[in-house]
Protein backbone atom coordinates (compact mmCIF):
# COMPACT_ATOMS: atom_id res chain seq x y z
CA MET A 1 -0.05 -0.03 0.03
CA TYR A 2 1.17 3.49 -0.75
CA TRP A 3 -0.01 6.15 1.60
CA ALA A 4 -0.28 9.82 0.70
CA ASN A 5 -0.62 11.95 3.77
CA PHE A 6 -1.93 15.46 3.21
CA LEU A 7 -1.56 18.18 5.80
CA HIS A 8 -3.29 21.60 5.78
CA ILE A 9 -1.91 24.48 7.92
CA TYR A 10 -3.36 27.89 8.13
CA GLN A 11 -4.01 30.82 10.48
CA PRO A 12 -6.11 33.85 9.94
CA ALA A 13 -4.19 36.82 8.35
CA GLU A 14 -3.89 38.89 11.63
CA GLN A 15 -3.68 36.08 14.06
CA GLN A 16 -2.58 37.14 17.61
CA ALA A 17 1.11 36.92 18.18
CA ASP A 18 0.81 34.79 21.37
CA ILE A 19 -1.40 32.30 19.67
CA LEU A 20 0.74 31.95 16.77
CA GLU A 21 3.81 31.49 18.89
CA GLY A 22 2.20 28.57 20.75
CA ILE A 23 1.16 26.90 17.51
CA VAL A 24 4.59 27.22 16.05
CA LYS A 25 6.25 25.74 19.01
CA GLN A 26 3.61 23.02 19.54
CA SER A 27 3.08 22.08 15.90
CA TYR A 28 4.81 23.69 12.97
CA ARG A 29 8.40 23.49 14.11
CA PRO A 30 8.18 19.95 15.52
CA ILE A 31 6.58 18.48 12.46
CA ILE A 32 8.98 20.40 10.07
CA ARG A 33 12.01 19.43 11.89
CA SER A 34 10.93 15.79 12.02
CA LEU A 35 10.42 15.91 8.21
CA LYS A 36 13.82 17.35 7.79
CA LYS A 37 15.36 14.61 9.85
CA GLU A 38 13.43 11.55 8.39
CA LYS A 39 14.51 11.24 4.62
CA HIS A 40 11.98 8.47 4.19
CA ALA A 41 9.17 10.95 4.82
CA ARG A 42 6.83 12.17 2.24
CA ILE A 43 3.86 14.50 2.62
CA THR A 44 1.63 16.82 0.53
CA LEU A 45 1.17 20.22 2.34
CA ASN A 46 -1.06 23.06 1.86
CA ILE A 47 0.12 26.32 3.49
CA ASN A 48 -1.88 29.30 2.74
CA GLY A 49 0.02 32.52 1.69
CA ALA A 50 -1.46 34.40 4.79
CA LEU A 51 0.41 32.07 7.08
CA LEU A 52 3.79 32.42 5.32
CA GLU A 53 3.41 36.26 5.66
CA LEU A 54 2.71 35.70 9.50
CA PHE A 55 5.94 33.72 9.70
CA ASP A 56 7.86 36.39 8.05
CA THR A 57 6.23 39.18 10.14
CA HIS A 58 6.75 37.58 13.43
CA GLY A 59 10.39 36.23 12.78
CA TYR A 60 9.79 32.55 12.09
CA ARG A 61 12.33 32.39 9.15
CA ASP A 62 13.68 29.06 10.20
CA VAL A 63 10.16 27.56 9.52
CA ILE A 64 10.10 29.14 5.90
CA ASP A 65 13.85 28.10 5.32
CA ASN A 66 13.23 24.46 6.38
CA LEU A 67 9.91 24.24 4.25
CA CYS A 68 12.22 25.50 1.21
CA THR A 69 14.76 22.84 1.94
CA ILE A 70 12.48 19.92 2.34
CA GLY A 71 10.42 21.04 -0.59
CA ARG A 72 13.37 21.27 -3.02
CA GLU A 73 14.33 17.77 -2.03
CA GLY A 74 10.99 16.70 -3.21
CA ARG A 75 9.79 15.30 0.01
CA ILE A 76 7.17 18.05 0.52
CA GLU A 77 4.68 18.62 -2.23
CA PHE A 78 3.07 22.01 -2.05
CA THR A 79 -0.44 22.55 -3.40
CA GLY A 80 -2.38 25.63 -4.59
CA SER A 81 -5.23 27.17 -2.57
CA ALA A 82 -6.97 30.34 -1.69
CA LYS A 83 -4.51 32.87 0.11
CA TYR A 84 -7.02 33.99 2.78
CA HIS A 85 -8.97 30.66 3.19
CA SER A 86 -12.14 31.87 1.44
CA PHE A 87 -15.12 29.55 1.14
CA LEU A 88 -14.84 29.18 -2.63
CA PRO A 89 -18.42 27.74 -3.58
CA LEU A 90 -20.13 30.92 -2.18
CA ILE A 91 -17.94 33.62 -3.64
CA GLU A 92 -17.97 34.76 -7.39
CA GLU A 93 -15.56 33.53 -9.99
CA GLU A 94 -13.50 36.75 -10.27
CA GLU A 95 -12.79 36.51 -6.54
CA ILE A 96 -11.97 32.75 -6.64
CA ILE A 97 -9.24 33.36 -9.25
CA ARG A 98 -7.93 36.23 -7.52
CA GLN A 99 -7.63 34.42 -4.05
CA ILE A 100 -5.80 31.55 -5.95
CA LYS A 101 -3.44 33.78 -7.87
CA LEU A 102 -2.60 35.71 -4.72
CA ASN A 103 -1.67 32.47 -3.01
CA ASN A 104 0.50 31.42 -5.78
CA GLU A 105 2.30 34.77 -5.91
CA THR A 106 2.91 34.69 -2.08
CA ASN A 107 3.96 31.07 -1.86
CA ARG A 108 6.41 31.64 -4.83
CA PHE A 109 7.97 34.63 -3.15
CA TYR A 110 8.61 32.78 0.11
CA LEU A 111 9.28 29.32 -1.17
CA GLY A 112 10.90 29.93 -4.45
CA ASP A 113 11.36 27.06 -6.88
CA ALA A 114 10.30 24.66 -4.09
CA PHE A 115 6.67 25.90 -4.86
CA SER A 116 5.63 24.23 -7.93
CA PRO A 117 2.09 23.08 -7.36
CA LYS A 118 0.30 20.45 -9.36
CA GLY A 119 -2.50 19.96 -6.98
CA PHE A 120 -5.16 22.15 -5.41
CA TYR A 121 -6.74 22.18 -1.93
CA PRO A 122 -10.05 24.18 -1.77
CA PRO A 123 -10.49 25.29 1.86
CA GLU A 124 -12.62 23.04 3.93
CA MET A 125 -12.44 20.90 0.75
CA ALA A 126 -15.64 22.80 -0.12
CA TYR A 127 -16.57 21.80 -3.68
CA THR A 128 -19.21 22.59 -6.27
CA PRO A 129 -18.82 21.40 -9.92
CA ALA A 130 -18.25 24.99 -11.06
CA LEU A 131 -14.84 24.95 -9.39
CA ALA A 132 -13.43 22.22 -11.55
CA PRO A 133 -13.02 24.21 -14.97
CA LEU A 134 -11.58 27.08 -13.02
CA ILE A 135 -8.95 25.08 -11.21
CA GLU A 136 -7.94 23.23 -14.41
CA SER A 137 -7.65 26.57 -16.40
CA LEU A 138 -5.23 27.91 -13.81
CA GLY A 139 -3.00 25.01 -14.60
CA PHE A 140 -3.56 22.46 -11.81
CA LYS A 141 -3.47 18.67 -12.57
CA TRP A 142 -5.57 17.51 -9.61
CA ILE A 143 -7.82 18.45 -6.66
CA ILE A 144 -8.38 16.86 -3.43
CA LEU A 145 -11.94 16.38 -1.96
CA ASP A 146 -13.28 14.31 0.94
CA GLU A 147 -14.67 10.78 -0.14
CA ILE A 148 -18.24 11.82 0.65
CA ALA A 149 -17.90 14.04 -2.59
CA TYR A 150 -17.78 10.91 -4.73
CA ALA A 151 -21.30 9.62 -4.19
CA GLY A 152 -22.81 11.45 -1.24
CA GLU A 153 -21.86 8.76 1.37
CA VAL A 154 -18.52 7.30 2.59
CA GLU A 155 -16.76 3.96 1.85
CA LYS A 156 -17.60 3.92 -1.80
CA VAL A 157 -14.30 4.94 -3.28
CA ASP A 158 -12.12 2.24 -4.90
CA TYR A 159 -8.65 2.99 -3.80
CA THR A 160 -6.98 0.79 -6.39
CA GLN A 161 -7.96 3.14 -9.25
CA LEU A 162 -7.54 6.98 -10.13
CA TYR A 163 -10.40 9.28 -10.81
CA ARG A 164 -10.68 12.00 -13.26
CA ILE A 165 -13.51 14.61 -13.24
CA THR A 166 -15.91 14.13 -16.03
CA GLY A 167 -15.24 16.64 -19.04
CA SER A 168 -11.81 17.50 -17.77
CA GLU A 169 -8.27 16.31 -17.60
CA LEU A 170 -8.42 17.29 -13.75
CA PHE A 171 -7.70 14.27 -11.49
CA VAL A 172 -9.48 14.15 -8.24
CA PHE A 173 -8.17 12.45 -5.08
CA PHE A 174 -10.53 11.49 -2.30
CA ARG A 175 -9.52 11.80 1.37
CA GLU A 176 -10.40 8.59 3.26
CA ARG A 177 -12.31 9.38 6.42
CA ARG A 178 -11.85 6.14 8.29
CA PHE A 179 -7.89 6.37 8.18
CA SER A 180 -8.07 10.09 8.85
CA ASN A 181 -10.37 9.98 11.72
CA LEU A 182 -8.30 7.11 13.05
CA ILE A 183 -5.36 9.40 13.36
CA MET A 184 -6.81 12.73 14.17
CA SER A 185 -9.20 11.41 16.88
CA ALA A 186 -6.24 9.92 18.61
CA VAL A 187 -7.80 6.41 18.66
CA VAL A 188 -4.31 5.26 17.80
CA ARG A 189 -1.28 6.89 19.45
CA SER A 190 1.65 4.83 18.35
CA LYS A 191 3.25 3.42 15.27
CA GLU A 192 2.55 -0.18 16.48
CA THR A 193 -1.22 0.35 17.11
CA LEU A 194 -1.47 2.29 13.77
CA GLU A 195 0.38 -0.45 11.79
CA GLU A 196 -1.83 -3.13 13.48
CA ALA A 197 -4.95 -1.28 12.58
CA MET A 198 -3.84 -0.83 8.93
CA LYS A 199 -2.08 -4.29 8.54
CA LYS A 200 -4.53 -5.79 6.05
CA ASP A 201 -4.30 -2.63 3.97
CA ILE A 202 -0.57 -2.33 4.35
CA ALA A 203 -0.24 -5.72 2.62
CA SER A 204 -2.67 -4.79 -0.14
CA LYS A 205 -2.10 -3.15 -3.50
CA ARG A 206 -4.35 -0.27 -2.84
CA TYR A 207 -3.28 3.27 -1.89
CA ALA A 208 -4.67 5.45 1.03
CA ILE A 209 -5.02 9.21 1.32
CA THR A 210 -5.42 10.71 4.79
CA ALA A 211 -5.85 14.51 5.29
CA MET A 212 -6.21 16.72 8.30
CA ASP A 213 -5.18 19.95 9.79
CA GLY A 214 -1.42 20.19 10.73
CA GLU A 215 -2.29 21.90 13.95
CA THR A 216 -3.96 18.47 15.10
CA PHE A 217 -0.40 17.24 16.02
CA GLY A 218 0.67 19.04 19.17
CA HIS A 219 -1.50 21.89 19.24
CA HIS A 220 -5.16 20.50 19.18
CA ARG A 221 -3.95 17.18 20.52
CA PRO A 222 -0.71 17.52 22.71
CA GLY A 223 1.42 14.58 22.29
CA LEU A 224 -0.08 13.37 19.03
CA GLN A 225 2.84 14.77 17.16
CA ASN A 226 4.80 11.74 18.32
CA LEU A 227 2.68 9.43 16.31
CA LEU A 228 3.30 11.57 13.23
CA PHE A 229 7.04 11.51 13.83
CA ASP A 230 6.63 7.48 14.20
CA ILE A 231 4.88 7.46 10.91
CA PHE A 232 7.70 9.51 9.26
CA SER A 233 10.30 7.02 10.50
CA SER A 234 8.44 3.87 9.76
CA GLU A 235 10.13 1.60 7.20
CA LYS A 236 6.91 -0.37 6.75
CA LEU A 237 4.81 2.45 5.51
CA LYS A 238 5.33 3.44 1.71
CA LEU A 239 4.87 7.21 2.07
CA VAL A 240 4.48 9.13 -1.10
CA THR A 241 3.06 12.47 -2.35
CA ILE A 242 -0.36 12.62 -3.97
CA SER A 243 1.23 13.42 -7.38
CA GLU A 244 3.32 10.30 -7.23
CA LEU A 245 0.13 8.13 -7.00
CA ILE A 246 -0.72 9.18 -10.59
CA LYS A 247 2.20 7.31 -12.06
CA LYS A 248 1.60 4.32 -9.88
CA TYR A 249 -1.87 3.86 -10.65
CA ASP A 250 -2.39 5.26 -14.16
CA LYS A 251 -3.51 1.96 -15.72
CA LYS A 252 -6.98 2.44 -14.53
CA ILE A 253 -8.80 5.74 -14.65
CA VAL A 254 -12.56 6.38 -14.03
CA GLU A 255 -14.57 9.41 -14.67
CA VAL A 256 -16.52 10.80 -11.76
CA SER A 257 -18.77 13.81 -11.14
CA PRO A 258 -18.14 14.90 -7.54
CA ILE A 259 -21.13 16.62 -5.69
CA ASN A 260 -21.41 19.71 -3.61
CA SER A 261 -19.80 18.88 -0.39
CA THR A 262 -17.05 19.65 2.23
CA TRP A 263 -14.98 17.59 4.49
CA ALA A 264 -17.38 18.29 7.19
CA SER A 265 -20.42 17.15 5.28
CA SER A 266 -22.45 14.17 6.54
CA LYS A 267 -24.88 12.03 4.33
CA LYS A 268 -27.74 13.63 6.11
CA ASP A 269 -26.61 17.12 5.23
CA ILE A 270 -26.31 16.06 1.46
CA ASP A 271 -29.64 14.63 1.55
CA LYS A 272 -31.21 17.80 2.96
CA GLY A 273 -29.30 20.02 0.36
CA ILE A 274 -27.34 21.78 3.44
CA GLN A 275 -23.79 20.64 2.72
CA PHE A 276 -22.48 24.24 3.41
CA LEU A 277 -24.22 24.35 6.70
CA SER A 278 -21.43 25.66 8.79
CA TRP A 279 -21.00 28.65 6.43
CA SER A 280 -24.27 29.35 5.05
CA ASP A 281 -27.17 27.78 7.34
CA PRO A 282 -30.52 28.72 5.80
CA GLU A 283 -31.97 28.75 9.35
CA ASN A 284 -29.35 31.23 10.68
CA GLN A 285 -30.17 34.80 10.41
CA ILE A 286 -26.58 35.82 11.28
CA HIS A 287 -25.19 33.94 8.23
CA LYS A 288 -27.70 35.87 6.07
CA TRP A 289 -26.63 39.19 7.18
CA GLN A 290 -23.00 38.22 6.92
CA TRP A 291 -23.21 37.06 3.36
CA GLU A 292 -25.52 40.20 2.42
CA PHE A 293 -22.68 42.46 4.24
CA LEU A 294 -20.01 40.80 2.26
CA HIS A 295 -21.68 41.02 -1.11
CA LEU A 296 -22.60 44.57 -0.61
CA THR A 297 -18.96 45.61 0.35
CA LEU A 298 -17.41 43.58 -2.39
CA HIS A 299 -19.67 45.32 -4.97
CA GLU A 300 -18.52 48.80 -3.67
CA VAL A 301 -14.84 47.71 -3.86
CA HIS A 302 -15.45 46.52 -7.45
CA THR A 303 -16.89 49.91 -8.49
CA MET A 304 -14.10 51.89 -6.96
CA ASP A 305 -11.70 53.88 -9.26
CA LYS A 306 -8.65 51.72 -9.47
CA LYS A 307 -6.52 54.79 -9.78
CA ASN A 308 -7.55 56.05 -6.60
CA PRO A 309 -4.45 56.04 -4.22
CA ARG A 310 -6.65 54.31 -1.48
CA TYR A 311 -7.63 51.40 -3.72
CA ILE A 312 -4.62 49.06 -3.12
CA SER A 313 -5.11 49.29 0.62
CA ILE A 314 -8.81 48.94 0.51
CA ARG A 315 -8.52 45.99 -2.07
CA LYS A 316 -6.04 44.18 0.41
CA LYS A 317 -8.62 44.62 3.24
CA MET A 318 -11.26 43.08 1.02
CA ASP A 319 -9.13 40.11 0.22
CA ILE A 320 -8.72 39.41 4.03
CA ALA A 321 -12.44 40.02 4.69
CA LEU A 322 -13.12 37.17 2.26
CA ALA A 323 -11.84 34.56 4.80
CA SER A 324 -14.21 31.97 5.81
CA ASP A 325 -13.60 32.19 9.60
CA HIS A 326 -16.27 34.48 10.92
CA PHE A 327 -19.00 32.52 9.02
CA TRP A 328 -17.92 29.26 10.49
CA TRP A 329 -17.80 30.76 13.88
CA ALA A 330 -21.39 32.13 13.64
CA SER A 331 -22.85 28.58 12.78
CA ALA A 332 -23.27 27.64 16.42
CA LYS A 333 -23.68 24.00 15.20
CA PRO A 334 -21.59 23.72 17.36
CA TRP A 335 -18.94 26.39 16.80
CA TRP A 336 -19.37 29.83 18.08
CA SER A 337 -17.11 32.82 18.86
CA MET A 338 -18.47 36.42 19.24
CA GLU A 339 -15.02 37.75 18.96
CA MET A 340 -14.44 36.20 15.46
CA ILE A 341 -18.00 37.16 14.48
CA GLU A 342 -17.46 40.77 15.50
CA ASP A 343 -14.16 40.77 13.74
CA GLY A 344 -15.44 39.68 10.43
CA ALA A 345 -18.31 42.26 10.57
CA TYR A 346 -15.97 45.14 11.73
CA ARG A 347 -13.69 44.41 8.83
CA LEU A 348 -16.45 44.83 6.35
CA LEU A 349 -17.82 47.94 8.09
CA ASP A 350 -14.14 49.51 8.12
CA ILE A 351 -14.00 48.88 4.29
CA MET A 352 -17.31 50.49 3.69
CA ARG A 353 -16.29 53.49 5.70
CA SER A 354 -12.99 53.75 3.82
CA ILE A 355 -14.40 53.88 0.19
CA PRO A 356 -14.62 57.54 -0.98
CA GLY A 357 -17.83 58.68 -2.45
CA ILE A 358 -20.09 55.84 -1.14
CA SER A 359 -23.66 56.87 -0.84
CA GLU A 360 -25.12 57.60 2.56
CA VAL A 361 -27.91 54.86 2.07
CA LYS A 362 -25.29 52.20 1.59
CA ARG A 363 -23.09 53.58 4.45
CA LEU A 364 -26.18 53.33 6.92
CA ARG A 365 -27.06 49.74 5.53
CA ALA A 366 -23.36 48.74 6.41
CA ARG A 367 -23.68 50.22 9.95
CA ASP A 368 -27.15 48.41 10.24
CA LEU A 369 -25.76 45.04 9.19
CA TYR A 370 -22.87 45.46 11.66
CA GLU A 371 -25.16 46.11 14.39
CA HIS A 372 -27.64 43.36 13.58
CA ILE A 373 -24.86 40.80 13.44
CA VAL A 374 -23.25 41.84 16.67
CA SER A 375 -26.56 42.62 18.81
CA THR A 376 -28.09 39.49 17.59
CA GLY A 377 -25.04 37.32 18.48
CA PHE A 378 -25.00 38.83 21.94
CA GLY A 379 -28.79 38.33 22.18
CA TRP A 380 -28.39 34.63 21.32
CA GLN A 381 -25.77 34.30 23.98
CA ARG A 382 -27.93 36.00 26.59
CA THR A 383 -31.04 33.88 26.01
CA GLY A 384 -29.34 30.63 25.77
CA LYS A 385 -30.26 30.20 21.91
CA ILE A 386 -26.50 29.33 21.36
CA ARG A 387 -26.44 26.37 23.77
CA THR A 388 -29.84 25.17 22.48
CA MET A 389 -28.51 25.19 18.81
CA MET A 390 -25.41 23.34 19.92
CA LYS A 391 -27.32 20.70 21.85
CA GLU A 392 -29.61 20.15 18.92
CA GLN A 393 -26.67 19.70 16.64
CA GLN A 394 -25.05 17.03 18.92
CA ALA A 395 -28.41 15.44 19.92
CA VAL A 396 -27.98 12.22 17.81
CA ARG A 397 -24.52 11.60 19.35
CA ARG A 398 -26.10 11.93 22.78
CA ILE A 399 -28.71 9.20 22.42
CA PRO A 400 -27.30 5.89 23.86
CA PHE A 401 -26.53 3.38 21.25
CA LYS A 402 -28.84 0.85 22.97
CA GLU A 403 -31.64 3.37 22.59
CA ARG A 404 -30.92 3.78 18.92
CA THR A 405 -30.88 0.15 18.13
CA LEU A 406 -32.24 -2.36 20.59
CA GLU A 407 -34.98 -0.19 22.05
CA LYS A 408 -35.87 1.10 18.52
CA GLY A 409 -37.19 -2.49 17.81
CA GLY A 410 -37.40 -4.35 14.47
CA ASP A 411 -34.20 -5.42 12.88
CA GLU A 412 -32.29 -2.59 14.50
CA GLN A 413 -32.13 -5.02 17.49
CA GLY A 414 -29.86 -7.14 15.17
CA VAL A 415 -27.51 -4.13 14.85
CA TYR A 416 -27.18 -3.93 18.72
CA HIS A 417 -26.59 -7.57 19.20
CA ALA A 418 -24.12 -7.82 16.23
CA PHE A 419 -22.02 -5.07 17.67
CA LEU A 420 -22.09 -6.44 21.17
CA ASP A 421 -21.12 -9.92 20.07
CA MET A 422 -18.15 -8.50 17.81
CA MET A 423 -16.94 -6.39 20.90
CA LYS A 424 -17.09 -9.58 23.19
CA GLY A 425 -15.27 -11.53 20.66
CA LEU A 426 -12.50 -8.72 20.35
CA GLU A 427 -12.42 -8.58 24.38
CA LYS A 428 -11.79 -12.45 24.44
CA LYS A 429 -9.20 -12.39 21.67
CA ALA A 430 -7.25 -9.47 23.38
CA SER A 431 -7.34 -11.37 26.80
CA GLU A 432 -6.12 -14.52 25.17
CA THR A 433 -3.17 -12.85 23.54
CA GLY A 434 -2.22 -10.92 26.50
CA GLU A 435 -3.30 -7.63 25.33
CA TYR A 436 -4.98 -6.69 28.63
CA GLU A 437 -5.28 -3.04 28.12
CA LYS A 438 -7.18 -3.65 24.86
CA ALA A 439 -9.38 -6.28 26.61
CA ILE A 440 -10.11 -3.66 29.42
CA LEU A 441 -11.05 -1.21 26.69
CA TRP A 442 -13.59 -3.61 25.20
CA ARG A 443 -14.92 -4.53 28.59
CA ASP A 444 -15.54 -0.93 29.38
CA ALA A 445 -17.16 -0.33 26.08
CA ILE A 446 -19.47 -3.19 26.43
CA PHE A 447 -20.45 -2.25 29.92
CA LYS A 448 -21.29 1.45 28.97
CA ILE A 449 -23.42 0.41 25.89
CA GLU A 450 -25.31 -2.13 27.96
CA ASN A 451 -25.97 0.53 30.62
CA LYS A 452 -26.69 3.37 28.41
CA SER A 453 -23.83 5.29 29.77
CA ASP A 454 -22.12 5.58 26.44
CA ILE A 455 -23.56 9.05 25.23
CA TYR A 456 -20.08 10.57 24.76
CA ASP A 457 -17.94 7.72 23.48
CA ALA A 458 -20.25 5.15 21.65
CA VAL A 459 -18.90 6.47 18.34
CA ASN A 460 -15.37 6.07 19.39
CA ALA A 461 -16.20 2.36 20.33
CA ILE A 462 -17.79 1.63 17.07
CA ASP A 463 -14.89 3.26 15.24
CA LEU A 464 -12.35 1.10 17.30
CA LEU A 465 -14.38 -2.00 16.34
CA ARG A 466 -14.03 -1.22 12.58
CA VAL A 467 -10.28 -0.78 12.98
CA ASP A 468 -9.97 -4.27 14.40
CA ILE A 469 -12.47 -5.88 12.10
CA PRO A 470 -12.47 -5.43 8.25
CA HIS A 471 -15.42 -3.16 7.08
CA ASP A 472 -16.81 -5.82 4.85
CA GLU A 473 -16.95 -8.33 7.77
CA VAL A 474 -18.50 -5.81 10.04
CA GLU A 475 -21.30 -5.20 7.42
CA ARG A 476 -21.82 -8.85 6.66
CA THR A 477 -22.16 -9.64 10.46
CA ILE A 478 -24.73 -6.86 10.92
CA GLU A 479 -26.73 -7.99 7.96
CA GLU A 480 -26.76 -11.58 9.35
CA TYR A 481 -28.03 -10.45 12.63
CA LYS A 482 -30.62 -8.20 11.05
CA GLU A 483 -31.88 -11.19 8.99
CA LYS A 484 -32.35 -13.26 12.00
CA TYR A 485 -34.72 -10.38 13.47
CA ARG A 486 -36.63 -10.24 10.17
CA GLU A 487 -37.21 -13.94 10.10
CA ILE A 488 -38.78 -13.84 13.86
CA ARG A 489 -40.49 -10.57 13.41
CA GLY A 490 -44.52 -10.85 13.29
CA GLY A 491 -46.74 -9.25 10.80
CA GLN A 492 -48.16 -6.87 13.29
CA PRO A 493 -47.11 -3.37 14.13
CA GLU A 494 -45.97 -4.15 17.53
CA GLN A 495 -42.42 -5.64 18.10
CA ARG A 496 -41.55 -8.65 20.16
CA GLY A 497 -39.95 -8.10 23.42
CA SER A 498 -36.14 -8.50 23.64
């Protein structure tokens, strides 16, 4: 198996110096130093131009220099992206192209000939079919998306073949959620447990693509950087860049039409047509005002006289204001930060106040939008609406597994018994082989599920099970148990007792 590991690192254009310092020390420097040390290591990396400028401004030249060195050696493959992390599906074509070109210019300035991107990373892996021709026209050879973009649900991608977007020459690579979540959720924390979880795949002829935020290692999850260092040093793992996969699997290429999605999209979101929920929720009034504000401001910037001496500085403010952060932090499902929401609204207000000759009506509308966004946000906090929205979003995860299966009745009872029996089998196997910590883990998981105290970690238990038992076998076992319950189920609406 060939493994292409993709990392994305980004910070807002005017990130606070102390926060940036912490992330550099906890994540960026350790990761890059390990890459420099381990000549076996290969990664594909997206670094937005905004972050390179922050490194320069705050004196982290060593980080830039090491990125250049490893990039020139071909062990880091850099990708293109949007400089200020804009949410591309919801901004106009002219601005998409501008963000990508600005990112290319900034990356080439700091990384020199080490930056020669063949691939493209859309921020949040946010995709709509209109992006494909734009990305291809700008010279990119491939794009990376989440696997849910393939067919609206996961575990449908065949990782023994390559995919090309229908009607283009643009390859599309799909991030595999199972492996990515296995790592970034810290379900495994050592090279040995990772290799054990992937042993059947490692011996196969398939490839794997994992993708996650680089800040996961050391910053979001302290200590997890050691797993990444182990991966870099492992001789069992065949690490490659994404572009290297094209030559290795070019015998079988299939055309595909990816759908609207992000790497956060769920099947439920896609079925409801709300794939971009965290950035444009049809039920979120703040989102509606934010987008109205952005488009109002952008229109005024577009109509400015380009010869005006203030145009360049205003245009740069607008580029930064296109960042997706303040929309995401206003979603409240579950992400929320009044500081980030106000910051995004104030940037737009500041631009509108700076544009010469703007009408009083538009200036007043800008002020009203700013006040609507900020006052409504504080109102939602005061009244408890934010907590309610967060709870509603997380409600499904808080329902005990037993309640969602056994107590639901019908053949869902089979799902419950299938998982419990598989877990008991894994507990027994671990005990027999002397893996007592793992046996205790399964014992505790079984106890929590049986006693409905699993509202926080049932999902982790299920994910762990899928690590130890191949997906096909899990699905086959579930179906067998379901069939047993279908056979004994009566023809009346009521269900038999368990």
